[in-house]
Amino acid sequence: MSISRTTEIKASSKKSFDDAMHEGVARAQETLQNIKSAWIQNQEVLIDAKGKIAEYRVQMKITFLLKE
């Protein structure tokens, strides 16, 4: 029988939402084993003083299998 667990993380990038997702999953893989999925729960951008997008952020839920 397999048992999974979900953890919530936030990741950011100055390039794009896609890059923030990749950064988040890559960082999670450094700590977690058996990652099976990532659900993007929220996206947001930070705006600088000139009105330009300064940073892309994603809030995601990472699901992974626990060791038996």
PDB file of N, CA and C in Angstrom:
ATOM      1  N   MET A   1       0.843  -1.173   0.000  1.00  0.00           N
ATOM      2  CA  MET A   1       0.000   0.000   0.000  1.00  0.00           C
ATOM      3  C   MET A   1       0.893   1.242   0.000  1.00  0.00           C
ATOM      4  N   SER A   2       0.543   2.211  -0.822  1.00  0.00           N
ATOM      5  CA  SER A   2       1.285   3.465  -0.887  1.00  0.00           C
ATOM      6  C   SER A   2       0.539   4.556  -0.132  1.00  0.00           C
ATOM      7  N   ILE A   3       1.322   5.370   0.566  1.00  0.00           N
ATOM      8  CA  ILE A   3       0.758   6.519   1.273  1.00  0.00           C
ATOM      9  C   ILE A   3       1.478   7.762   0.774  1.00  0.00           C
ATOM     10  N   SER A   4       0.697   8.783   0.436  1.00  0.00           N
ATOM     11  CA  SER A   4       1.295  10.024  -0.061  1.00  0.00           C
ATOM     12  C   SER A   4       1.087  11.142   0.942  1.00  0.00           C
ATOM     13  N   ARG A   5       1.869  12.175   0.769  1.00  0.00           N
ATOM     14  CA  ARG A   5       1.780  13.365   1.611  1.00  0.00           C
ATOM     15  C   ARG A   5       1.891  14.574   0.705  1.00  0.00           C
ATOM     16  N   THR A   6       1.284  15.674   1.138  1.00  0.00           N
ATOM     17  CA  THR A   6       1.331  16.913   0.364  1.00  0.00           C
ATOM     18  C   THR A   6       1.935  18.007   1.227  1.00  0.00           C
ATOM     19  N   THR A   7       2.825  18.776   0.634  1.00  0.00           N
ATOM     20  CA  THR A   7       3.415  19.923   1.316  1.00  0.00           C
ATOM     21  C   THR A   7       3.258  21.154   0.433  1.00  0.00           C
ATOM     22  N   GLU A   8       3.156  22.306   1.030  1.00  0.00           N
ATOM     23  CA  GLU A   8       2.927  23.548   0.288  1.00  0.00           C
ATOM     24  C   GLU A   8       4.206  24.377   0.283  1.00  0.00           C
ATOM     25  N   ILE A   9       4.569  24.883  -0.895  1.00  0.00           N
ATOM     26  CA  ILE A   9       5.756  25.734  -1.010  1.00  0.00           C
ATOM     27  C   ILE A   9       5.444  26.940  -1.889  1.00  0.00           C
ATOM     28  N   LYS A  10       6.274  27.967  -1.773  1.00  0.00           N
ATOM     29  CA  LYS A  10       6.239  29.124  -2.661  1.00  0.00           C
ATOM     30  C   LYS A  10       7.582  29.212  -3.346  1.00  0.00           C
ATOM     31  N   ALA A  11       7.565  29.552  -4.614  1.00  0.00           N
ATOM     32  CA  ALA A  11       8.803  29.711  -5.377  1.00  0.00           C
ATOM     33  C   ALA A  11       8.703  30.985  -6.201  1.00  0.00           C
ATOM     34  N   SER A  12       9.855  31.575  -6.504  1.00  0.00           N
ATOM     35  CA  SER A  12       9.841  32.823  -7.263  1.00  0.00           C
ATOM     36  C   SER A  12      10.909  32.827  -8.345  1.00  0.00           C
ATOM     37  N   SER A  13      10.708  33.710  -9.311  1.00  0.00           N
ATOM     38  CA  SER A  13      11.646  33.881 -10.418  1.00  0.00           C
ATOM     39  C   SER A  13      11.506  35.292 -10.965  1.00  0.00           C
ATOM     40  N   LYS A  14      12.584  35.828 -11.455  1.00  0.00           N
ATOM     41  CA  LYS A  14      12.536  37.138 -12.107  1.00  0.00           C
ATOM     42  C   LYS A  14      12.191  36.996 -13.597  1.00  0.00           C
ATOM     43  N   LYS A  15      12.170  35.740 -14.113  1.00  0.00           N
ATOM     44  CA  LYS A  15      11.936  35.491 -15.539  1.00  0.00           C
ATOM     45  C   LYS A  15      10.468  35.274 -15.896  1.00  0.00           C
ATOM     46  N   SER A  16       9.828  34.253 -15.231  1.00  0.00           N
ATOM     47  CA  SER A  16       8.471  33.871 -15.628  1.00  0.00           C
ATOM     48  C   SER A  16       7.832  32.952 -14.589  1.00  0.00           C
ATOM     49  N   PHE A  17       6.517  32.740 -14.741  1.00  0.00           N
ATOM     50  CA  PHE A  17       5.826  31.774 -13.891  1.00  0.00           C
ATOM     51  C   PHE A  17       6.380  30.374 -14.145  1.00  0.00           C
ATOM     52  N   ASP A  18       6.632  30.058 -15.405  1.00  0.00           N
ATOM     53  CA  ASP A  18       7.155  28.745 -15.771  1.00  0.00           C
ATOM     54  C   ASP A  18       8.491  28.488 -15.063  1.00  0.00           C
ATOM     55  N   ASP A  19       9.353  29.478 -15.065  1.00  0.00           N
ATOM     56  CA  ASP A  19      10.650  29.339 -14.408  1.00  0.00           C
ATOM     57  C   ASP A  19      10.469  29.185 -12.896  1.00  0.00           C
ATOM     58  N   ALA A  20       9.533  29.907 -12.310  1.00  0.00           N
ATOM     59  CA  ALA A  20       9.264  29.780 -10.874  1.00  0.00           C
ATOM     60  C   ALA A  20       8.795  28.367 -10.539  1.00  0.00           C
ATOM     61  N   MET A  21       7.951  27.779 -11.391  1.00  0.00           N
ATOM     62  CA  MET A  21       7.496  26.403 -11.173  1.00  0.00           C
ATOM     63  C   MET A  21       8.670  25.438 -11.208  1.00  0.00           C
ATOM     64  N   HIS A  22       9.523  25.577 -12.225  1.00  0.00           N
ATOM     65  CA  HIS A  22      10.688  24.700 -12.345  1.00  0.00           C
ATOM     66  C   HIS A  22      11.621  24.846 -11.146  1.00  0.00           C
ATOM     67  N   GLU A  23      11.849  26.077 -10.710  1.00  0.00           N
ATOM     68  CA  GLU A  23      12.709  26.329  -9.548  1.00  0.00           C
ATOM     69  C   GLU A  23      12.132  25.675  -8.292  1.00  0.00           C
ATOM     70  N   GLY A  24      10.826  25.804  -8.104  1.00  0.00           N
ATOM     71  CA  GLY A  24      10.175  25.217  -6.938  1.00  0.00           C
ATOM     72  C   GLY A  24      10.273  23.709  -6.903  1.00  0.00           C
ATOM     73  N   VAL A  25      10.006  23.066  -8.031  1.00  0.00           N
ATOM     74  CA  VAL A  25      10.079  21.607  -8.098  1.00  0.00           C
ATOM     75  C   VAL A  25      11.531  21.143  -7.919  1.00  0.00           C
ATOM     76  N   ALA A  26      12.472  21.837  -8.536  1.00  0.00           N
ATOM     77  CA  ALA A  26      13.883  21.461  -8.399  1.00  0.00           C
ATOM     78  C   ALA A  26      14.334  21.564  -6.941  1.00  0.00           C
ATOM     79  N   ARG A  27      13.921  22.623  -6.270  1.00  0.00           N
ATOM     80  CA  ARG A  27      14.302  22.798  -4.857  1.00  0.00           C
ATOM     81  C   ARG A  27      13.636  21.727  -3.992  1.00  0.00           C
ATOM     82  N   ALA A  28      12.390  21.405  -4.258  1.00  0.00           N
ATOM     83  CA  ALA A  28      11.692  20.370  -3.488  1.00  0.00           C
ATOM     84  C   ALA A  28      12.380  19.018  -3.647  1.00  0.00           C
ATOM     85  N   GLN A  29      12.895  18.743  -4.838  1.00  0.00           N
ATOM     86  CA  GLN A  29      13.560  17.460  -5.093  1.00  0.00           C
ATOM     87  C   GLN A  29      14.861  17.319  -4.309  1.00  0.00           C
ATOM     88  N   GLU A  30      15.434  18.432  -3.855  1.00  0.00           N
ATOM     89  CA  GLU A  30      16.647  18.358  -3.036  1.00  0.00           C
ATOM     90  C   GLU A  30      16.342  17.782  -1.654  1.00  0.00           C
ATOM     91  N   THR A  31      15.109  17.945  -1.192  1.00  0.00           N
ATOM     92  CA  THR A  31      14.716  17.522   0.155  1.00  0.00           C
ATOM     93  C   THR A  31      13.769  16.329   0.151  1.00  0.00           C
ATOM     94  N   LEU A  32      12.841  16.303  -0.778  1.00  0.00           N
ATOM     95  CA  LEU A  32      11.803  15.271  -0.816  1.00  0.00           C
ATOM     96  C   LEU A  32      12.147  14.193  -1.836  1.00  0.00           C
ATOM     97  N   GLN A  33      11.718  12.973  -1.548  1.00  0.00           N
ATOM     98  CA  GLN A  33      11.895  11.866  -2.484  1.00  0.00           C
ATOM     99  C   GLN A  33      10.539  11.428  -3.005  1.00  0.00           C
ATOM    100  N   ASN A  34      10.535  10.813  -4.158  1.00  0.00           N
ATOM    101  CA  ASN A  34       9.326  10.232  -4.760  1.00  0.00           C
ATOM    102  C   ASN A  34       8.245  11.272  -5.055  1.00  0.00           C
ATOM    103  N   ILE A  35       8.631  12.445  -5.545  1.00  0.00           N
ATOM    104  CA  ILE A  35       7.642  13.469  -5.912  1.00  0.00           C
ATOM    105  C   ILE A  35       6.835  12.952  -7.096  1.00  0.00           C
ATOM    106  N   LYS A  36       5.514  13.068  -6.996  1.00  0.00           N
ATOM    107  CA  LYS A  36       4.634  12.557  -8.039  1.00  0.00           C
ATOM    108  C   LYS A  36       3.864  13.644  -8.768  1.00  0.00           C
ATOM    109  N   SER A  37       3.590  14.788  -8.106  1.00  0.00           N
ATOM    110  CA  SER A  37       2.833  15.833  -8.788  1.00  0.00           C
ATOM    111  C   SER A  37       3.016  17.170  -8.080  1.00  0.00           C
ATOM    112  N   ALA A  38       2.655  18.219  -8.804  1.00  0.00           N
ATOM    113  CA  ALA A  38       2.660  19.572  -8.251  1.00  0.00           C
ATOM    114  C   ALA A  38       1.406  20.273  -8.750  1.00  0.00           C
ATOM    115  N   TRP A  39       0.672  20.859  -7.848  1.00  0.00           N
ATOM    116  CA  TRP A  39      -0.541  21.590  -8.180  1.00  0.00           C
ATOM    117  C   TRP A  39      -0.284  23.068  -7.926  1.00  0.00           C
ATOM    118  N   ILE A  40      -0.447  23.894  -8.968  1.00  0.00           N
ATOM    119  CA  ILE A  40      -0.249  25.329  -8.831  1.00  0.00           C
ATOM    120  C   ILE A  40      -1.529  25.909  -8.247  1.00  0.00           C
ATOM    121  N   GLN A  41      -1.429  26.351  -7.013  1.00  0.00           N
ATOM    122  CA  GLN A  41      -2.586  26.838  -6.283  1.00  0.00           C
ATOM    123  C   GLN A  41      -2.821  28.329  -6.531  1.00  0.00           C
ATOM    124  N   ASN A  42      -1.738  29.085  -6.711  1.00  0.00           N
ATOM    125  CA  ASN A  42      -1.859  30.532  -6.832  1.00  0.00           C
ATOM    126  C   ASN A  42      -0.658  31.084  -7.597  1.00  0.00           C
ATOM    127  N   GLN A  43      -0.883  32.173  -8.302  1.00  0.00           N
ATOM    128  CA  GLN A  43       0.194  32.888  -8.978  1.00  0.00           C
ATOM    129  C   GLN A  43       0.077  34.365  -8.614  1.00  0.00           C
ATOM    130  N   GLU A  44       1.209  35.029  -8.454  1.00  0.00           N
ATOM    131  CA  GLU A  44       1.189  36.456  -8.185  1.00  0.00           C
ATOM    132  C   GLU A  44       2.441  37.093  -8.765  1.00  0.00           C
ATOM    133  N   VAL A  45       2.385  38.384  -8.976  1.00  0.00           N
ATOM    134  CA  VAL A  45       3.549  39.130  -9.438  1.00  0.00           C
ATOM    135  C   VAL A  45       3.811  40.282  -8.485  1.00  0.00           C
ATOM    136  N   LEU A  46       5.092  40.629  -8.354  1.00  0.00           N
ATOM    137  CA  LEU A  46       5.482  41.816  -7.608  1.00  0.00           C
ATOM    138  C   LEU A  46       5.775  42.914  -8.629  1.00  0.00           C
ATOM    139  N   ILE A  47       5.297  44.096  -8.347  1.00  0.00           N
ATOM    140  CA  ILE A  47       5.447  45.224  -9.258  1.00  0.00           C
ATOM    141  C   ILE A  47       6.448  46.210  -8.667  1.00  0.00           C
ATOM    142  N   ASP A  48       7.378  46.694  -9.496  1.00  0.00           N
ATOM    143  CA  ASP A  48       8.349  47.673  -8.997  1.00  0.00           C
ATOM    144  C   ASP A  48       7.776  49.093  -9.054  1.00  0.00           C
ATOM    145  N   ALA A  49       8.572  50.059  -8.647  1.00  0.00           N
ATOM    146  CA  ALA A  49       8.128  51.452  -8.567  1.00  0.00           C
ATOM    147  C   ALA A  49       7.777  52.035  -9.933  1.00  0.00           C
ATOM    148  N   LYS A  50       8.312  51.452 -11.003  1.00  0.00           N
ATOM    149  CA  LYS A  50       8.045  51.935 -12.362  1.00  0.00           C
ATOM    150  C   LYS A  50       6.839  51.249 -12.995  1.00  0.00           C
ATOM    151  N   GLY A  51       6.188  50.362 -12.246  1.00  0.00           N
ATOM    152  CA  GLY A  51       5.013  49.657 -12.766  1.00  0.00           C
ATOM    153  C   GLY A  51       5.339  48.416 -13.574  1.00  0.00           C
ATOM    154  N   LYS A  52       6.573  47.969 -13.535  1.00  0.00           N
ATOM    155  CA  LYS A  52       7.006  46.775 -14.275  1.00  0.00           C
ATOM    156  C   LYS A  52       6.987  45.562 -13.359  1.00  0.00           C
ATOM    157  N   ILE A  53       6.807  44.410 -13.948  1.00  0.00           N
ATOM    158  CA  ILE A  53       6.843  43.172 -13.166  1.00  0.00           C
ATOM    159  C   ILE A  53       8.278  42.921 -12.724  1.00  0.00           C
ATOM    160  N   ALA A  54       8.465  42.801 -11.413  1.00  0.00           N
ATOM    161  CA  ALA A  54       9.798  42.591 -10.853  1.00  0.00           C
ATOM    162  C   ALA A  54      10.041  41.119 -10.508  1.00  0.00           C
ATOM    163  N   GLU A  55       8.976  40.393 -10.178  1.00  0.00           N
ATOM    164  CA  GLU A  55       9.131  38.999  -9.758  1.00  0.00           C
ATOM    165  C   GLU A  55       7.830  38.235  -9.955  1.00  0.00           C
ATOM    166  N   TYR A  56       7.974  36.993 -10.391  1.00  0.00           N
ATOM    167  CA  TYR A  56       6.851  36.073 -10.560  1.00  0.00           C
ATOM    168  C   TYR A  56       6.888  35.077  -9.408  1.00  0.00           C
ATOM    169  N   ARG A  57       5.741  34.811  -8.797  1.00  0.00           N
ATOM    170  CA  ARG A  57       5.675  33.864  -7.688  1.00  0.00           C
ATOM    171  C   ARG A  57       4.565  32.849  -7.915  1.00  0.00           C
ATOM    172  N   VAL A  58       4.848  31.617  -7.524  1.00  0.00           N
ATOM    173  CA  VAL A  58       3.830  30.566  -7.556  1.00  0.00           C
ATOM    174  C   VAL A  58       3.744  29.912  -6.179  1.00  0.00           C
ATOM    175  N   GLN A  59       2.543  29.605  -5.806  1.00  0.00           N
ATOM    176  CA  GLN A  59       2.297  28.839  -4.586  1.00  0.00           C
ATOM    177  C   GLN A  59       1.817  27.477  -5.062  1.00  0.00           C
ATOM    178  N   MET A  60       2.505  26.421  -4.647  1.00  0.00           N
ATOM    179  CA  MET A  60       2.170  25.100  -5.152  1.00  0.00           C
ATOM    180  C   MET A  60       2.114  24.063  -4.044  1.00  0.00           C
ATOM    181  N   LYS A  61       1.369  23.020  -4.324  1.00  0.00           N
ATOM    182  CA  LYS A  61       1.299  21.872  -3.432  1.00  0.00           C
ATOM    183  C   LYS A  61       2.031  20.719  -4.114  1.00  0.00           C
ATOM    184  N   ILE A  62       3.014  20.175  -3.425  1.00  0.00           N
ATOM    185  CA  ILE A  62       3.817  19.081  -3.937  1.00  0.00           C
ATOM    186  C   ILE A  62       3.358  17.784  -3.258  1.00  0.00           C
ATOM    187  N   THR A  63       3.040  16.782  -4.058  1.00  0.00           N
ATOM    188  CA  THR A  63       2.629  15.486  -3.527  1.00  0.00           C
ATOM    189  C   THR A  63       3.751  14.471  -3.755  1.00  0.00           C
ATOM    190  N   PHE A  64       4.077  13.730  -2.698  1.00  0.00           N
ATOM    191  CA  PHE A  64       5.132  12.735  -2.787  1.00  0.00           C
ATOM    192  C   PHE A  64       4.737  11.495  -2.003  1.00  0.00           C
ATOM    193  N   LEU A  65       5.328  10.355  -2.402  1.00  0.00           N
ATOM    194  CA  LEU A  65       5.054   9.088  -1.719  1.00  0.00           C
ATOM    195  C   LEU A  65       5.989   8.917  -0.545  1.00  0.00           C
ATOM    196  N   LEU A  66       5.459   8.435   0.569  1.00  0.00           N
ATOM    197  CA  LEU A  66       6.276   8.132   1.742  1.00  0.00           C
ATOM    198  C   LEU A  66       6.921   6.772   1.564  1.00  0.00           C
ATOM    199  N   LYS A  67       8.100   6.601   2.137  1.00  0.00           N
ATOM    200  CA  LYS A  67       8.767   5.303   2.081  1.00  0.00           C
ATOM    201  C   LYS A  67       7.978   4.286   2.883  1.00  0.00           C
ATOM    202  N   GLU A  68       7.985   3.065   2.399  1.00  0.00           N
ATOM    203  CA  GLU A  68       7.261   1.998   3.110  1.00  0.00           C
ATOM    204  C   GLU A  68       8.135   1.378   4.165  1.00  0.00           C
TER     205      GLU A  68
END
